[in-house]
C-alpha atoms as a PDB file:
ATOM      1  CA  UNK A   1     -20.377  16.708  17.155  1.00  0.00           C
ATOM      2  CA  UNK A   2     -20.478  14.140  19.975  1.00  0.00           C
ATOM      3  CA  UNK A   3     -24.283  14.118  20.032  1.00  0.00           C
ATOM      4  CA  UNK A   4     -24.466  13.652  16.270  1.00  0.00           C
ATOM      5  CA  UNK A   5     -21.911  10.856  16.465  1.00  0.00           C
ATOM      6  CA  UNK A   6     -24.021   8.997  19.028  1.00  0.00           C
ATOM      7  CA  UNK A   7     -27.057   9.235  16.777  1.00  0.00           C
ATOM      8  CA  UNK A   8     -25.174   7.556  13.953  1.00  0.00           C
ATOM      9  CA  UNK A   9     -25.063   4.277  15.889  1.00  0.00           C
ATOM     10  CA  UNK A  10     -21.499   3.599  14.699  1.00  0.00           C
ATOM     11  CA  UNK A  11     -20.392   0.184  15.885  1.00  0.00           C
ATOM     12  CA  UNK A  12     -17.545  -0.240  18.339  1.00  0.00           C
ATOM     13  CA  UNK A  13     -15.023  -0.767  15.522  1.00  0.00           C
ATOM     14  CA  UNK A  14     -15.727   2.809  14.491  1.00  0.00           C
ATOM     15  CA  UNK A  15     -16.560   2.489  10.815  1.00  0.00           C
ATOM     16  CA  UNK A  16     -19.479   4.064   9.031  1.00  0.00           C
ATOM     17  CA  UNK A  17     -21.625   1.415   7.320  1.00  0.00           C
ATOM     18  CA  UNK A  18     -25.055   2.998   7.594  1.00  0.00           C
ATOM     19  CA  UNK A  19     -27.915   2.292   5.246  1.00  0.00           C
ATOM     20  CA  UNK A  20     -28.444   4.946   2.578  1.00  0.00           C
ATOM     21  CA  UNK A  21     -31.170   5.901   0.126  1.00  0.00           C
ATOM     22  CA  UNK A  22     -30.874   3.384  -2.717  1.00  0.00           C
ATOM     23  CA  UNK A  23     -32.008   6.018  -5.212  1.00  0.00           C
ATOM     24  CA  UNK A  24     -28.878   8.079  -4.618  1.00  0.00           C
ATOM     25  CA  UNK A  25     -26.250   8.231  -7.339  1.00  0.00           C
ATOM     26  CA  UNK A  26     -23.236   7.592  -5.121  1.00  0.00           C
ATOM     27  CA  UNK A  27     -20.656   8.873  -7.596  1.00  0.00           C
ATOM     28  CA  UNK A  28     -22.543  12.154  -8.098  1.00  0.00           C
ATOM     29  CA  UNK A  29     -23.020  12.601  -4.355  1.00  0.00           C
ATOM     30  CA  UNK A  30     -19.360  11.851  -3.599  1.00  0.00           C
ATOM     31  CA  UNK A  31     -18.278  14.356  -6.273  1.00  0.00           C
ATOM     32  CA  UNK A  32     -20.623  16.986  -4.864  1.00  0.00           C
ATOM     33  CA  UNK A  33     -19.487  16.544  -1.272  1.00  0.00           C
ATOM     34  CA  UNK A  34     -15.776  16.537  -2.019  1.00  0.00           C
ATOM     35  CA  UNK A  35     -16.123  19.888  -3.795  1.00  0.00           C
ATOM     36  CA  UNK A  36     -18.196  21.372  -0.987  1.00  0.00           C
ATOM     37  CA  UNK A  37     -15.814  20.118   1.697  1.00  0.00           C
ATOM     38  CA  UNK A  38     -12.508  20.648  -0.147  1.00  0.00           C
ATOM     39  CA  UNK A  39     -11.732  16.935   0.075  1.00  0.00           C
ATOM     40  CA  UNK A  40      -9.302  14.879  -1.967  1.00  0.00           C
ATOM     41  CA  UNK A  41      -9.720  11.117  -2.453  1.00  0.00           C
ATOM     42  CA  UNK A  42      -6.534   9.073  -2.618  1.00  0.00           C
ATOM     43  CA  UNK A  43      -6.850   5.425  -3.686  1.00  0.00           C
ATOM     44  CA  UNK A  44      -4.359   2.591  -3.779  1.00  0.00           C
ATOM     45  CA  UNK A  45      -3.925   0.423  -6.866  1.00  0.00           C
ATOM     46  CA  UNK A  46      -5.398  -2.501  -4.913  1.00  0.00           C
ATOM     47  CA  UNK A  47      -8.832  -0.917  -4.537  1.00  0.00           C
ATOM     48  CA  UNK A  48     -11.810  -2.036  -6.614  1.00  0.00           C
ATOM     49  CA  UNK A  49     -11.953  -0.477 -10.080  1.00  0.00           C
ATOM     50  CA  UNK A  50     -15.013   1.673  -9.339  1.00  0.00           C
ATOM     51  CA  UNK A  51     -13.168   3.265  -6.410  1.00  0.00           C
ATOM     52  CA  UNK A  52     -10.023   3.868  -8.452  1.00  0.00           C
ATOM     53  CA  UNK A  53     -12.164   5.589 -11.084  1.00  0.00           C
ATOM     54  CA  UNK A  54     -13.558   8.202  -8.671  1.00  0.00           C
ATOM     55  CA  UNK A  55     -10.239   8.974  -6.964  1.00  0.00           C
ATOM     56  CA  UNK A  56      -8.345  12.217  -7.476  1.00  0.00           C
ATOM     57  CA  UNK A  57      -5.123  10.216  -7.430  1.00  0.00           C
ATOM     58  CA  UNK A  58      -4.466   6.486  -7.777  1.00  0.00           C
ATOM     59  CA  UNK A  59      -1.046   5.111  -6.992  1.00  0.00           C
ATOM     60  CA  UNK A  60       1.280   2.979  -4.916  1.00  0.00           C
ATOM     61  CA  UNK A  61       2.500   3.807  -1.429  1.00  0.00           C
ATOM     62  CA  UNK A  62       5.224   6.205  -2.612  1.00  0.00           C
ATOM     63  CA  UNK A  63       2.938   8.145  -4.933  1.00  0.00           C
ATOM     64  CA  UNK A  64       0.207   8.324  -2.311  1.00  0.00           C
ATOM     65  CA  UNK A  65       2.668   9.614   0.308  1.00  0.00           C
ATOM     66  CA  UNK A  66       3.878  12.290  -2.098  1.00  0.00           C
ATOM     67  CA  UNK A  67       0.301  13.352  -2.840  1.00  0.00           C
ATOM     68  CA  UNK A  68      -0.605  13.486   0.851  1.00  0.00           C
ATOM     69  CA  UNK A  69       2.390  15.726   1.535  1.00  0.00           C
ATOM     70  CA  UNK A  70       1.569  18.077  -1.344  1.00  0.00           C
ATOM     71  CA  UNK A  71      -2.233  18.438  -1.225  1.00  0.00           C
ATOM     72  CA  UNK A  72      -3.866  21.748  -0.346  1.00  0.00           C
ATOM     73  CA  UNK A  73      -7.252  20.113   0.346  1.00  0.00           C
ATOM     74  CA  UNK A  74      -8.785  20.430   3.805  1.00  0.00           C
ATOM     75  CA  UNK A  75      -9.780  16.756   3.984  1.00  0.00           C
ATOM     76  CA  UNK A  76      -7.876  13.671   2.819  1.00  0.00           C
ATOM     77  CA  UNK A  77     -10.074  10.614   2.350  1.00  0.00           C
ATOM     78  CA  UNK A  78      -7.853   7.571   2.048  1.00  0.00           C
ATOM     79  CA  UNK A  79      -9.266   4.619   0.113  1.00  0.00           C
ATOM     80  CA  UNK A  80      -6.637   2.220   1.361  1.00  0.00           C
ATOM     81  CA  UNK A  81      -5.525   0.688   4.638  1.00  0.00           C
ATOM     82  CA  UNK A  82      -4.726   2.138   8.050  1.00  0.00           C
ATOM     83  CA  UNK A  83      -0.969   2.562   7.738  1.00  0.00           C
ATOM     84  CA  UNK A  84      -1.507   4.615   4.568  1.00  0.00           C
ATOM     85  CA  UNK A  85      -3.989   6.929   6.278  1.00  0.00           C
ATOM     86  CA  UNK A  86      -1.639   7.241   9.259  1.00  0.00           C
ATOM     87  CA  UNK A  87       1.186   8.210   6.903  1.00  0.00           C
ATOM     88  CA  UNK A  88      -1.028  10.899   5.373  1.00  0.00           C
ATOM     89  CA  UNK A  89      -1.832  12.285   8.832  1.00  0.00           C
ATOM     90  CA  UNK A  90       1.846  12.337   9.795  1.00  0.00           C
ATOM     91  CA  UNK A  91       2.759  14.226   6.621  1.00  0.00           C
ATOM     92  CA  UNK A  92      -0.234  16.560   6.792  1.00  0.00           C
ATOM     93  CA  UNK A  93      -0.991  16.956  10.523  1.00  0.00           C
ATOM     94  CA  UNK A  94      -3.174  20.000   9.924  1.00  0.00           C
ATOM     95  CA  UNK A  95      -5.524  18.112   7.601  1.00  0.00           C
ATOM     96  CA  UNK A  96      -8.513  15.992   8.565  1.00  0.00           C
ATOM     97  CA  UNK A  97      -7.670  12.450   7.404  1.00  0.00           C
ATOM     98  CA  UNK A  98     -10.519   9.977   6.950  1.00  0.00           C
ATOM     99  CA  UNK A  99     -10.596   6.259   6.182  1.00  0.00           C
ATOM    100  CA  UNK A 100     -13.866   4.559   5.140  1.00  0.00           C
ATOM    101  CA  UNK A 101     -13.295   1.466   7.263  1.00  0.00           C
ATOM    102  CA  UNK A 102     -11.144   1.519  10.382  1.00  0.00           C
ATOM    103  CA  UNK A 103     -10.891  -2.289  10.125  1.00  0.00           C
ATOM    104  CA  UNK A 104      -8.810  -1.989   6.946  1.00  0.00           C
ATOM    105  CA  UNK A 105      -5.568  -3.218   8.448  1.00  0.00           C
ATOM    106  CA  UNK A 106      -2.486  -4.915   7.018  1.00  0.00           C
ATOM    107  CA  UNK A 107      -1.121  -8.379   7.762  1.00  0.00           C
ATOM    108  CA  UNK A 108       2.421  -7.136   7.147  1.00  0.00           C
ATOM    109  CA  UNK A 109       2.076  -4.237   9.589  1.00  0.00           C
ATOM    110  CA  UNK A 110       0.539  -6.657  12.115  1.00  0.00           C
ATOM    111  CA  UNK A 111       3.602  -8.910  11.844  1.00  0.00           C
ATOM    112  CA  UNK A 112       5.845  -6.243  13.410  1.00  0.00           C
ATOM    113  CA  UNK A 113       4.711  -5.100  16.850  1.00  0.00           C
ATOM    114  CA  UNK A 114       6.427  -2.017  18.342  1.00  0.00           C
ATOM    115  CA  UNK A 115       7.527  -3.600  21.641  1.00  0.00           C
ATOM    116  CA  UNK A 116       9.008  -6.619  19.864  1.00  0.00           C
ATOM    117  CA  UNK A 117      10.729  -4.472  17.257  1.00  0.00           C
ATOM    118  CA  UNK A 118      12.228  -2.165  19.888  1.00  0.00           C
ATOM    119  CA  UNK A 119      13.841  -5.182  21.595  1.00  0.00           C
ATOM    120  CA  UNK A 120      15.037  -6.504  18.216  1.00  0.00           C
ATOM    121  CA  UNK A 121      16.590  -3.138  17.383  1.00  0.00           C
ATOM    122  CA  UNK A 122      18.490  -3.084  20.709  1.00  0.00           C
ATOM    123  CA  UNK A 123      20.423  -6.210  19.620  1.00  0.00           C
ATOM    124  CA  UNK A 124      22.025  -4.326  16.730  1.00  0.00           C
ATOM    125  CA  UNK A 125      23.426  -1.007  17.970  1.00  0.00           C
ATOM    126  CA  UNK A 126      24.831   1.191  15.229  1.00  0.00           C
ATOM    127  CA  UNK A 127      22.630  -0.313  12.511  1.00  0.00           C
ATOM    128  CA  UNK A 128      20.553   1.949  10.270  1.00  0.00           C
ATOM    129  CA  UNK A 129      16.893   0.980  10.425  1.00  0.00           C
ATOM    130  CA  UNK A 130      15.076   0.846   7.084  1.00  0.00           C
ATOM    131  CA  UNK A 131      11.395   0.009   7.429  1.00  0.00           C
ATOM    132  CA  UNK A 132       8.870  -0.651   4.717  1.00  0.00           C
ATOM    133  CA  UNK A 133       5.984   1.820   4.639  1.00  0.00           C
ATOM    134  CA  UNK A 134       3.613  -1.071   5.494  1.00  0.00           C
ATOM    135  CA  UNK A 135       4.117  -0.420   9.205  1.00  0.00           C
ATOM    136  CA  UNK A 136       2.348   1.386  12.034  1.00  0.00           C
ATOM    137  CA  UNK A 137       3.220   4.911  13.115  1.00  0.00           C
ATOM    138  CA  UNK A 138       4.964   3.418  16.158  1.00  0.00           C
ATOM    139  CA  UNK A 139       7.347   1.418  13.962  1.00  0.00           C
ATOM    140  CA  UNK A 140       7.990   4.477  11.797  1.00  0.00           C
ATOM    141  CA  UNK A 141       8.984   6.318  14.975  1.00  0.00           C
ATOM    142  CA  UNK A 142      11.625   3.614  15.607  1.00  0.00           C
ATOM    143  CA  UNK A 143      12.951   3.874  12.043  1.00  0.00           C
ATOM    144  CA  UNK A 144      15.667   5.957  10.380  1.00  0.00           C
ATOM    145  CA  UNK A 145      14.337   5.802   6.815  1.00  0.00           C
ATOM    146  CA  UNK A 146      11.005   4.543   5.506  1.00  0.00           C
ATOM    147  CA  UNK A 147      10.923   2.924   2.059  1.00  0.00           C
ATOM    148  CA  UNK A 148       8.384   1.566  -0.402  1.00  0.00           C
ATOM    149  CA  UNK A 149       8.690  -1.212  -2.953  1.00  0.00           C
ATOM    150  CA  UNK A 150       9.283   1.513  -5.559  1.00  0.00           C
ATOM    151  CA  UNK A 151      12.297   3.054  -3.860  1.00  0.00           C
ATOM    152  CA  UNK A 152      13.603   0.434  -1.387  1.00  0.00           C
ATOM    153  CA  UNK A 153      16.382  -0.856  -3.637  1.00  0.00           C
ATOM    154  CA  UNK A 154      17.624   2.606  -4.585  1.00  0.00           C
ATOM    155  CA  UNK A 155      17.448   3.935  -1.022  1.00  0.00           C
ATOM    156  CA  UNK A 156      19.617   1.089   0.265  1.00  0.00           C
ATOM    157  CA  UNK A 157      22.043   1.454  -2.651  1.00  0.00           C
ATOM    158  CA  UNK A 158      22.348   5.173  -1.817  1.00  0.00           C
ATOM    159  CA  UNK A 159      23.749   4.411   1.649  1.00  0.00           C
ATOM    160  CA  UNK A 160      27.517   3.933   2.186  1.00  0.00           C
ATOM    161  CA  UNK A 161      28.583   0.343   1.471  1.00  0.00           C
ATOM    162  CA  UNK A 162      29.928  -0.154   4.970  1.00  0.00           C
ATOM    163  CA  UNK A 163      26.635   0.852   6.585  1.00  0.00           C
ATOM    164  CA  UNK A 164      24.913  -1.995   8.417  1.00  0.00           C
ATOM    165  CA  UNK A 165      21.172  -2.237   7.955  1.00  0.00           C
ATOM    166  CA  UNK A 166      18.131  -3.561   9.795  1.00  0.00           C
ATOM    167  CA  UNK A 167      15.325  -4.117   7.306  1.00  0.00           C
ATOM    168  CA  UNK A 168      11.722  -4.573   8.440  1.00  0.00           C
ATOM    169  CA  UNK A 169       9.203  -6.031   8.275  1.00  0.00           C
ATOM    170  CA  UNK A 170       8.928  -7.926   4.941  1.00  0.00           C
ATOM    171  CA  UNK A 171      11.393 -10.819   4.715  1.00  0.00           C
ATOM    172  CA  UNK A 172      10.728 -11.454   1.033  1.00  0.00           C
ATOM    173  CA  UNK A 173      11.414  -7.866  -0.003  1.00  0.00           C
ATOM    174  CA  UNK A 174      14.422  -7.726   2.320  1.00  0.00           C
ATOM    175  CA  UNK A 175      15.891 -10.968   0.984  1.00  0.00           C
ATOM    176  CA  UNK A 176      15.328  -9.803  -2.593  1.00  0.00           C
ATOM    177  CA  UNK A 177      17.143  -6.505  -1.946  1.00  0.00           C
ATOM    178  CA  UNK A 178      19.976  -8.306  -0.166  1.00  0.00           C
ATOM    179  CA  UNK A 179      20.386 -10.701  -3.102  1.00  0.00           C
ATOM    180  CA  UNK A 180      20.621  -7.793  -5.550  1.00  0.00           C
ATOM    181  CA  UNK A 181      22.886  -5.506  -3.511  1.00  0.00           C
ATOM    182  CA  UNK A 182      24.951  -7.928  -1.424  1.00  0.00           C
ATOM    183  CA  UNK A 183      24.536  -5.566   1.525  1.00  0.00           C
ATOM    184  CA  UNK A 184      24.901  -6.606   5.150  1.00  0.00           C
ATOM    185  CA  UNK A 185      21.310  -6.696   6.367  1.00  0.00           C
ATOM    186  CA  UNK A 186      19.462  -8.105   9.353  1.00  0.00           C
ATOM    187  CA  UNK A 187      15.916  -8.841   8.230  1.00  0.00           C
ATOM    188  CA  UNK A 188      12.755  -8.956  10.332  1.00  0.00           C
ATOM    189  CA  UNK A 189      10.656 -12.067   9.796  1.00  0.00           C
ATOM    190  CA  UNK A 190       7.364 -10.636   8.537  1.00  0.00           C
ATOM    191  CA  UNK A 191       5.299 -11.168   5.395  1.00  0.00           C
ATOM    192  CA  UNK A 192       2.227 -10.069   3.438  1.00  0.00           C
ATOM    193  CA  UNK A 193      -0.547 -12.658   3.410  1.00  0.00           C
ATOM    194  CA  UNK A 194      -1.423 -11.819  -0.209  1.00  0.00           C
ATOM    195  CA  UNK A 195       2.045 -12.148  -1.711  1.00  0.00           C
ATOM    196  CA  UNK A 196       2.893 -15.300   0.233  1.00  0.00           C
ATOM    197  CA  UNK A 197      -0.159 -17.124  -1.112  1.00  0.00           C
ATOM    198  CA  UNK A 198       0.740 -17.342  -4.791  1.00  0.00           C
ATOM    199  CA  UNK A 199       1.101 -20.868  -6.126  1.00  0.00           C
ATOM    200  CA  UNK A 200       4.236 -21.507  -8.166  1.00  0.00           C
ATOM    201  CA  UNK A 201       2.723 -24.722  -9.543  1.00  0.00           C
ATOM    202  CA  UNK A 202      -0.419 -22.988 -10.770  1.00  0.00           C
ATOM    203  CA  UNK A 203       1.547 -20.061 -12.209  1.00  0.00           C
ATOM    204  CA  UNK A 204       3.695 -22.472 -14.209  1.00  0.00           C
ATOM    205  CA  UNK A 205       0.546 -24.233 -15.409  1.00  0.00           C
ATOM    206  CA  UNK A 206      -0.742 -20.885 -16.675  1.00  0.00           C
ATOM    207  CA  UNK A 207       2.609 -20.282 -18.351  1.00  0.00           C
ATOM    208  CA  UNK A 208       2.346 -23.633 -20.147  1.00  0.00           C
ATOM    209  CA  UNK A 209      -1.156 -22.724 -21.318  1.00  0.00           C
ATOM    210  CA  UNK A 210       0.003 -19.275 -22.479  1.00  0.00           C
ATOM    211  CA  UNK A 211       3.437 -19.834 -23.951  1.00  0.00           C
ATOM    212  CA  UNK A 212       4.042 -16.181 -24.853  1.00  0.00           C
ATOM    213  CA  UNK A 213       2.941 -14.846 -21.477  1.00  0.00           C
ATOM    214  CA  UNK A 214       5.438 -13.074 -19.261  1.00  0.00           C
ATOM    215  CA  UNK A 215       5.389 -13.523 -15.503  1.00  0.00           C
ATOM    216  CA  UNK A 216       5.642 -10.216 -13.636  1.00  0.00           C
ATOM    217  CA  UNK A 217       5.882 -10.186  -9.845  1.00  0.00           C
ATOM    218  CA  UNK A 218       5.975  -7.902  -6.840  1.00  0.00           C
ATOM    219  CA  UNK A 219       9.155  -8.286  -4.718  1.00  0.00           C
ATOM    220  CA  UNK A 220       7.020  -9.202  -1.680  1.00  0.00           C
ATOM    221  CA  UNK A 221       6.430 -12.583  -3.365  1.00  0.00           C
ATOM    222  CA  UNK A 222       8.328 -15.637  -2.208  1.00  0.00           C
ATOM    223  CA  UNK A 223      11.683 -16.434  -3.811  1.00  0.00           C
ATOM    224  CA  UNK A 224      10.449 -19.289  -6.103  1.00  0.00           C
ATOM    225  CA  UNK A 225       7.980 -16.860  -7.721  1.00  0.00           C
ATOM    226  CA  UNK A 226      10.679 -14.228  -8.185  1.00  0.00           C
ATOM    227  CA  UNK A 227      13.045 -16.758  -9.760  1.00  0.00           C
ATOM    228  CA  UNK A 228      10.617 -17.513 -12.593  1.00  0.00           C
ATOM    229  CA  UNK A 229       9.544 -13.881 -13.066  1.00  0.00           C
ATOM    230  CA  UNK A 230      10.435 -11.996 -16.234  1.00  0.00           C
ATOM    231  CA  UNK A 231      10.110  -8.679 -14.412  1.00  0.00           C
ATOM    232  CA  UNK A 232      10.142  -7.838 -10.689  1.00  0.00           C
ATOM    233  CA  UNK A 233       8.931  -4.502  -9.394  1.00  0.00           C
ATOM    234  CA  UNK A 234       6.508  -2.396  -7.382  1.00  0.00           C
ATOM    235  CA  UNK A 235       2.917  -2.007  -8.527  1.00  0.00           C
ATOM    236  CA  UNK A 236       3.887   1.151 -10.429  1.00  0.00           C
ATOM    237  CA  UNK A 237       6.846  -0.638 -11.987  1.00  0.00           C
ATOM    238  CA  UNK A 238       4.673  -3.573 -13.048  1.00  0.00           C
ATOM    239  CA  UNK A 239       2.120  -1.203 -14.566  1.00  0.00           C
ATOM    240  CA  UNK A 240       4.750   0.776 -16.457  1.00  0.00           C
ATOM    241  CA  UNK A 241       6.384  -2.414 -17.697  1.00  0.00           C
ATOM    242  CA  UNK A 242       3.155  -3.646 -19.254  1.00  0.00           C
ATOM    243  CA  UNK A 243       2.623  -0.269 -20.915  1.00  0.00           C
ATOM    244  CA  UNK A 244       6.099  -0.053 -22.449  1.00  0.00           C
ATOM    245  CA  UNK A 245       6.762  -3.734 -23.173  1.00  0.00           C
ATOM    246  CA  UNK A 246       6.049  -5.082 -26.668  1.00  0.00           C
ATOM    247  CA  UNK A 247       4.465  -8.292 -25.356  1.00  0.00           C
ATOM    248  CA  UNK A 248       0.727  -8.784 -25.125  1.00  0.00           C
ATOM    249  CA  UNK A 249       0.094 -11.303 -22.321  1.00  0.00           C
ATOM    250  CA  UNK A 250       1.125 -11.098 -18.663  1.00  0.00           C
ATOM    251  CA  UNK A 251       0.648 -13.310 -15.621  1.00  0.00           C
ATOM    252  CA  UNK A 252       0.524 -10.783 -12.792  1.00  0.00           C
ATOM    253  CA  UNK A 253       1.717 -11.889  -9.343  1.00  0.00           C
ATOM    254  CA  UNK A 254       0.449  -9.167  -7.073  1.00  0.00           C
ATOM    255  CA  UNK A 255      -2.930  -8.066  -5.691  1.00  0.00           C
ATOM    256  CA  UNK A 256      -5.476  -8.187  -8.498  1.00  0.00           C
ATOM    257  CA  UNK A 257      -6.604  -4.567  -8.130  1.00  0.00           C
ATOM    258  CA  UNK A 258      -3.697  -3.386 -10.291  1.00  0.00           C
ATOM    259  CA  UNK A 259      -5.184  -5.205 -13.292  1.00  0.00           C
ATOM    260  CA  UNK A 260      -7.818  -2.457 -13.545  1.00  0.00           C
ATOM    261  CA  UNK A 261      -5.169   0.151 -14.361  1.00  0.00           C
ATOM    262  CA  UNK A 262      -3.289  -2.251 -16.636  1.00  0.00           C
ATOM    263  CA  UNK A 263      -6.421  -2.946 -18.688  1.00  0.00           C
ATOM    264  CA  UNK A 264      -7.265   0.753 -18.882  1.00  0.00           C
ATOM    265  CA  UNK A 265      -3.768   1.613 -20.089  1.00  0.00           C
ATOM    266  CA  UNK A 266      -3.439  -1.336 -22.521  1.00  0.00           C
ATOM    267  CA  UNK A 267      -6.934  -2.576 -23.473  1.00  0.00           C
ATOM    268  CA  UNK A 268      -5.498  -4.625 -26.342  1.00  0.00           C
ATOM    269  CA  UNK A 269      -3.333  -6.722 -23.986  1.00  0.00           C
ATOM    270  CA  UNK A 270      -4.233  -9.753 -21.882  1.00  0.00           C
ATOM    271  CA  UNK A 271      -3.686  -9.731 -18.125  1.00  0.00           C
ATOM    272  CA  UNK A 272      -4.015 -12.937 -16.123  1.00  0.00           C
ATOM    273  CA  UNK A 273      -4.077 -12.749 -12.317  1.00  0.00           C
ATOM    274  CA  UNK A 274      -1.632 -15.183 -10.741  1.00  0.00           C
ATOM    275  CA  UNK A 275      -3.631 -17.714  -8.700  1.00  0.00           C
ATOM    276  CA  UNK A 276      -3.133 -18.444  -5.009  1.00  0.00           C
ATOM    277  CA  UNK A 277      -2.470 -21.837  -3.466  1.00  0.00           C
ATOM    278  CA  UNK A 278      -6.181 -22.202  -2.734  1.00  0.00           C
ATOM    279  CA  UNK A 279      -7.340 -24.024  -5.866  1.00  0.00           C
ATOM    280  CA  UNK A 280     -10.867 -22.564  -5.637  1.00  0.00           C
ATOM    281  CA  UNK A 281      -9.697 -19.026  -6.424  1.00  0.00           C
ATOM    282  CA  UNK A 282      -8.552 -17.548  -9.729  1.00  0.00           C
ATOM    283  CA  UNK A 283      -6.983 -14.411  -8.240  1.00  0.00           C
ATOM    284  CA  UNK A 284      -5.480 -13.166  -4.994  1.00  0.00           C
ATOM    285  CA  UNK A 285      -7.096 -10.220  -3.207  1.00  0.00           C
ATOM    286  CA  UNK A 286      -6.240  -8.301  -0.046  1.00  0.00           C
ATOM    287  CA  UNK A 287      -9.228  -8.753   2.251  1.00  0.00           C
ATOM    288  CA  UNK A 288      -8.402  -5.482   3.994  1.00  0.00           C
ATOM    289  CA  UNK A 289      -8.245  -3.376   0.821  1.00  0.00           C
ATOM    290  CA  UNK A 290     -11.553  -4.820  -0.303  1.00  0.00           C
ATOM    291  CA  UNK A 291     -13.324  -3.600   2.859  1.00  0.00           C
ATOM    292  CA  UNK A 292     -13.590  -0.164   1.239  1.00  0.00           C
ATOM    293  CA  UNK A 293     -16.732   0.486  -0.807  1.00  0.00           C
ATOM    294  CA  UNK A 294     -18.454   3.408  -2.542  1.00  0.00           C
ATOM    295  CA  UNK A 295     -21.151   3.303   0.122  1.00  0.00           C
ATOM    296  CA  UNK A 296     -18.589   3.648   2.911  1.00  0.00           C
ATOM    297  CA  UNK A 297     -16.823   6.461   1.050  1.00  0.00           C
ATOM    298  CA  UNK A 298     -20.148   8.286   0.757  1.00  0.00           C
ATOM    299  CA  UNK A 299     -20.913   7.905   4.473  1.00  0.00           C
ATOM    300  CA  UNK A 300     -17.382   8.829   5.468  1.00  0.00           C
ATOM    301  CA  UNK A 301     -17.514  12.058   3.460  1.00  0.00           C
ATOM    302  CA  UNK A 302     -20.991  12.850   4.751  1.00  0.00           C
ATOM    303  CA  UNK A 303     -20.232  12.374   8.446  1.00  0.00           C
ATOM    304  CA  UNK A 304     -16.446  12.954   8.285  1.00  0.00           C
ATOM    305  CA  UNK A 305     -15.871   9.732  10.199  1.00  0.00           C
ATOM    306  CA  UNK A 306     -13.868   7.653  10.976  1.00  0.00           C
ATOM    307  CA  UNK A 307     -11.063  10.159  11.428  1.00  0.00           C
ATOM    308  CA  UNK A 308      -7.421   9.202  11.890  1.00  0.00           C
ATOM    309  CA  UNK A 309      -5.997  10.801  15.030  1.00  0.00           C
ATOM    310  CA  UNK A 310      -2.473  10.365  16.388  1.00  0.00           C
ATOM    311  CA  UNK A 311      -0.634  11.835  19.342  1.00  0.00           C
ATOM    312  CA  UNK A 312       1.474  14.852  18.370  1.00  0.00           C
ATOM    313  CA  UNK A 313       4.626  13.382  19.912  1.00  0.00           C
ATOM    314  CA  UNK A 314       4.207  10.154  17.922  1.00  0.00           C
ATOM    315  CA  UNK A 315       3.684  12.054  14.683  1.00  0.00           C
ATOM    316  CA  UNK A 316       6.777  14.173  15.340  1.00  0.00           C
ATOM    317  CA  UNK A 317       8.925  11.085  15.975  1.00  0.00           C
ATOM    318  CA  UNK A 318       7.580   9.214  12.955  1.00  0.00           C
ATOM    319  CA  UNK A 319       7.725  12.103  10.492  1.00  0.00           C
ATOM    320  CA  UNK A 320      11.512  12.215  10.181  1.00  0.00           C
ATOM    321  CA  UNK A 321      11.784   8.713   8.691  1.00  0.00           C
ATOM    322  CA  UNK A 322       9.091   9.457   6.089  1.00  0.00           C
ATOM    323  CA  UNK A 323      10.488  12.866   5.181  1.00  0.00           C
ATOM    324  CA  UNK A 324      13.930  11.347   4.719  1.00  0.00           C
ATOM    325  CA  UNK A 325      12.431   8.814   2.287  1.00  0.00           C
ATOM    326  CA  UNK A 326      10.739  11.591   0.314  1.00  0.00           C
ATOM    327  CA  UNK A 327      13.948  13.625   0.237  1.00  0.00           C
ATOM    328  CA  UNK A 328      15.996  10.686  -1.052  1.00  0.00           C
ATOM    329  CA  UNK A 329      13.294   9.798  -3.597  1.00  0.00           C
ATOM    330  CA  UNK A 330      13.219  13.403  -4.800  1.00  0.00           C
ATOM    331  CA  UNK A 331      17.018  13.508  -5.101  1.00  0.00           C
ATOM    332  CA  UNK A 332      17.065  10.217  -7.026  1.00  0.00           C
ATOM    333  CA  UNK A 333      13.998  11.303  -9.050  1.00  0.00           C
ATOM    334  CA  UNK A 334      12.018   8.207  -8.090  1.00  0.00           C
END
């Protein structure tokens, strides 16, 4: 394998972006290879529509974690970002886990470095550590319970009222949960670059232009956006709301990839991406999610690179916090 890897001329970042025969039908080739190799493709809602359409499962972080834990495939190809692929490897250590671009990081995960968080944690002995899934394996290893935007509120509500909580790393999600529950929480000062960039002024302008439109927002958004929102929830919650709600127009304040599933589920409804503060853009995309492409998925399946590898000790220490999340979610039927 090492000799074949050298011949691929993979750059030092480790991602496969080789030129391919332009006559190839990428979708057909990807379908052929995943059957031959017993591979499953998991894609996040924030991926491009064409990638969502070829995935075996499309979902948010909770759904993707559940699928990674349950799959009987030999290979998991994760069309998402690094922390998601790491989570899959932790839950399925015997599987080969691939990610089409090793550079697909996360600004929120980058805002919480393990050494800094360990020192922060030492200041609050006796506190239960709840960390958002958008974190590295090292942070998960320092955490008691992982959560996602789908289950964070219910997980915290399930803990005894007197329990003191450290919440990391998203300050907006943490502050939102604290405002709803009134719980005693110490919150790490991190944020997602996508959800912090929405413009309240431009959203309200869209609302004035579309009087019947409802504003729906992810809880990672800043407080002013959440105050004007008609519905606040995870990507799955936002999707389900637009399916069940009787309205027909929605201003959607989260990464624009979710609009693909919304339009597929409700083609008769109108979905408007909430604009960022940069006046030149009409929607707000995650630059890391958008690094994934069909071409990279094809090459990744073909060469089975880049592969996510983690030290066994790290996986063992991180697994408990994720498993506890899945157990609580299963008990609460989330």
